[in-house]
Amino acid sequence: MRIAVLGAESSGKSTLCDALARRYGTVWVPEYLREFVDTHGRVPDEEDQYPIACTQRAREDEAAARAAGFLFCDTTPLMTALYSRQYWGRVDPQLAHLASSHDYAWTLVTAPDSPWEPDGLQRESEEVRQTVHRMLVETLQARAIPYVLLEGSLEQRLRQVEGLLGRPADSLSLD
């Protein structure tokens, strides 16, 4: 079962995905954009957006074969499309088509309620984080994609997710 974990920059997506994968004994798909920036030493250009989204989706498909029950996906092509709109005012038609197939069992949105932290080249500002969060929520609502907003500390977010997915088997008591 694929679970999309979406959110603006510095909202805790990667930390949450890692913690969820450990808690549920499965794998997660890191955000390819981070690797792209580290490898190329720059932020992506507009023409990089579609290949980045394709790589993200291909990595999901590869990880799905190794997943045990749940596959936590740190971002999806939908987020790549939102950032294209934020930075270039448009979305490449191929990217828009890829982003339109949002086929996840759950969509979790990490609230931008923790302190914003810089991350080298990849993160811009608190203002951009808030703008992207608003764009994300508006897009999900416009597309009628149900989502759950996760707020608070990592432990609070983990409890929220356990409320949706159930507690992992190893944390259930045998009373």
Protein backbone atom coordinates (compact mmCIF):
# COMPACT_ATOMS: atom_id res chain seq x y z
CA MET A 1 0.00 0.00 0.00
CA ARG A 2 1.61 3.25 -1.16
CA ILE A 3 1.33 6.21 1.15
CA ALA A 4 2.23 9.68 -0.13
CA VAL A 5 3.89 11.96 2.39
CA LEU A 6 3.66 15.48 1.03
CA GLY A 7 4.58 18.86 2.39
CA ALA A 8 6.57 21.99 1.80
CA GLU A 9 10.29 22.30 2.45
CA SER A 10 11.50 21.77 6.02
CA SER A 11 8.21 20.28 7.20
CA GLY A 12 9.55 16.92 8.36
CA LYS A 13 8.68 14.59 5.47
CA SER A 14 11.96 12.67 5.39
CA THR A 15 12.18 12.35 9.15
CA LEU A 16 8.60 11.09 9.29
CA CYS A 17 9.05 8.59 6.43
CA ASP A 18 12.18 7.15 8.03
CA ALA A 19 10.45 6.81 11.40
CA LEU A 20 7.34 5.25 9.85
CA ALA A 21 9.35 2.73 7.86
CA ARG A 22 11.22 1.69 11.00
CA ARG A 23 8.02 1.51 13.04
CA TYR A 24 6.19 -0.61 10.45
CA GLY A 25 9.20 -2.73 9.44
CA THR A 26 9.17 -1.66 5.81
CA VAL A 27 11.00 0.58 3.37
CA TRP A 28 10.51 4.17 2.29
CA VAL A 29 11.38 6.13 -0.84
CA PRO A 30 13.58 9.16 -0.18
CA GLU A 31 13.03 12.36 -2.12
CA TYR A 32 15.13 12.13 -5.29
CA LEU A 33 15.39 15.92 -5.51
CA ARG A 34 17.80 15.92 -2.54
CA GLU A 35 20.09 13.47 -4.36
CA PHE A 36 19.81 15.51 -7.56
CA VAL A 37 20.89 18.70 -5.77
CA ASP A 38 23.77 16.93 -4.00
CA THR A 39 24.96 15.21 -7.19
CA HIS A 40 24.71 18.24 -9.48
CA GLY A 41 25.65 20.89 -6.94
CA ARG A 42 22.72 23.06 -7.98
CA VAL A 43 18.97 23.38 -7.80
CA PRO A 44 17.09 21.99 -10.79
CA ASP A 45 16.22 23.99 -13.86
CA GLU A 46 12.75 23.85 -15.34
CA GLU A 47 13.76 21.18 -17.87
CA ASP A 48 15.00 18.97 -15.01
CA GLN A 49 11.59 18.77 -13.34
CA TYR A 50 10.00 16.04 -15.48
CA PRO A 51 13.06 13.72 -15.31
CA ILE A 52 13.20 14.27 -11.52
CA ALA A 53 9.54 13.29 -11.17
CA CYS A 54 10.06 10.25 -13.43
CA THR A 55 13.01 9.10 -11.32
CA GLN A 56 10.98 9.60 -8.14
CA ARG A 57 8.16 7.46 -9.52
CA ALA A 58 10.55 4.78 -10.83
CA ARG A 59 12.12 4.52 -7.39
CA GLU A 60 8.68 4.05 -5.88
CA ASP A 61 8.02 1.21 -8.30
CA GLU A 62 11.36 -0.43 -7.43
CA ALA A 63 10.77 -0.09 -3.68
CA ALA A 64 7.24 -1.47 -3.90
CA ALA A 65 8.67 -4.95 -4.49
CA ARG A 66 10.58 -4.72 -1.17
CA ALA A 67 7.84 -3.12 0.89
CA ALA A 68 6.24 -5.03 3.74
CA GLY A 69 2.64 -3.86 3.79
CA PHE A 70 3.24 -0.13 3.49
CA LEU A 71 5.50 1.93 1.24
CA PHE A 72 6.07 5.45 2.52
CA CYS A 73 6.84 7.85 -0.34
CA ASP A 74 8.70 11.04 0.60
CA THR A 75 7.08 13.30 -2.01
CA THR A 76 5.46 12.46 -5.34
CA PRO A 77 5.35 13.97 -8.84
CA LEU A 78 2.52 16.19 -7.55
CA MET A 79 5.01 18.11 -5.40
CA THR A 80 7.41 18.47 -8.33
CA ALA A 81 4.57 19.97 -10.35
CA LEU A 82 3.71 22.38 -7.53
CA TYR A 83 7.29 23.58 -7.30
CA SER A 84 7.35 24.06 -11.09
CA ARG A 85 4.31 26.28 -10.77
CA GLN A 86 5.91 28.14 -7.86
CA TYR A 87 9.22 28.85 -9.60
CA TRP A 88 8.34 29.02 -13.32
CA GLY A 89 4.66 29.84 -13.27
CA ARG A 90 3.78 26.78 -15.33
CA VAL A 91 4.00 22.99 -15.39
CA ASP A 92 5.42 21.01 -18.30
CA PRO A 93 2.57 19.02 -19.91
CA GLN A 94 4.40 15.70 -19.41
CA LEU A 95 4.94 16.50 -15.74
CA ALA A 96 1.31 17.58 -15.35
CA HIS A 97 0.19 14.26 -16.82
CA LEU A 98 2.49 12.28 -14.52
CA ALA A 99 1.33 14.29 -11.50
CA SER A 100 -2.32 13.69 -12.38
CA SER A 101 -2.01 9.98 -11.55
CA HIS A 102 -2.03 10.36 -7.78
CA ASP A 103 -2.73 6.70 -6.94
CA TYR A 104 -1.89 6.43 -3.26
CA ALA A 105 -3.93 4.67 -0.59
CA TRP A 106 -3.34 7.58 1.80
CA THR A 107 -2.07 11.10 1.37
CA LEU A 108 -0.42 12.58 4.43
CA VAL A 109 0.49 16.27 4.54
CA THR A 110 3.13 17.47 6.98
CA ALA A 111 2.18 20.81 8.47
CA PRO A 112 4.80 23.57 8.37
CA ASP A 113 4.59 23.92 12.15
CA SER A 114 8.20 23.30 13.12
CA PRO A 115 11.01 25.85 12.86
CA TRP A 116 12.21 26.36 9.29
CA GLU A 117 15.79 25.18 8.81
CA PRO A 118 18.10 25.90 5.86
CA ASP A 119 19.40 22.88 3.96
CA GLY A 120 22.14 24.04 1.62
CA LEU A 121 20.84 24.80 -1.85
CA GLN A 122 17.51 23.04 -1.53
CA ARG A 123 15.49 25.21 0.85
CA GLU A 124 14.60 28.81 0.21
CA SER A 125 12.66 30.46 3.06
CA GLU A 126 9.82 30.32 5.57
CA GLU A 127 7.73 32.44 3.19
CA VAL A 128 8.16 29.93 0.34
CA ARG A 129 7.38 27.08 2.75
CA GLN A 130 4.07 28.70 3.73
CA THR A 131 3.19 29.52 0.10
CA VAL A 132 3.88 25.97 -1.07
CA HIS A 133 1.88 24.53 1.83
CA ARG A 134 -1.12 26.67 0.82
CA MET A 135 -0.70 25.65 -2.83
CA LEU A 136 -0.56 21.98 -1.84
CA VAL A 137 -3.71 22.10 0.28
CA GLU A 138 -5.58 24.06 -2.40
CA THR A 139 -4.49 21.58 -5.09
CA LEU A 140 -5.52 18.55 -3.06
CA GLN A 141 -8.90 20.14 -2.34
CA ALA A 142 -9.43 21.17 -5.98
CA ARG A 143 -8.61 17.64 -7.15
CA ALA A 144 -10.77 16.08 -4.41
CA ILE A 145 -7.82 14.09 -3.09
CA PRO A 146 -8.49 13.22 0.55
CA TYR A 147 -5.60 13.96 2.85
CA VAL A 148 -4.70 13.99 6.51
CA LEU A 149 -2.82 16.98 7.92
CA LEU A 150 -0.14 15.82 10.37
CA GLU A 151 0.79 18.35 13.03
CA GLY A 152 3.03 18.57 16.04
CA SER A 153 6.13 16.70 17.08
CA LEU A 154 7.38 13.54 15.39
CA GLU A 155 5.79 11.40 18.11
CA GLN A 156 2.46 13.21 17.70
CA ARG A 157 2.60 12.66 13.96
CA LEU A 158 3.46 8.98 14.41
CA ARG A 159 0.45 8.57 16.70
CA GLN A 160 -1.77 10.29 14.11
CA VAL A 161 -0.57 7.86 11.44
CA GLU A 162 -1.04 4.86 13.75
CA GLY A 163 -4.61 6.05 14.24
CA LEU A 164 -5.11 5.75 10.48
CA LEU A 165 -3.08 2.65 9.66
CA GLY A 166 -3.27 0.80 12.95
CA ARG A 167 -0.44 0.10 15.32
CA PRO A 168 2.43 -2.03 14.03
CA ALA A 169 2.11 -5.68 15.04
CA ASP A 170 5.22 -5.64 17.24
CA SER A 171 3.79 -2.80 19.35
CA LEU A 172 0.49 -4.54 20.10
CA SER A 173 0.18 -6.14 23.49
CA LEU A 174 -1.13 -9.69 23.83
CA ASP A 175 -3.32 -9.03 26.89
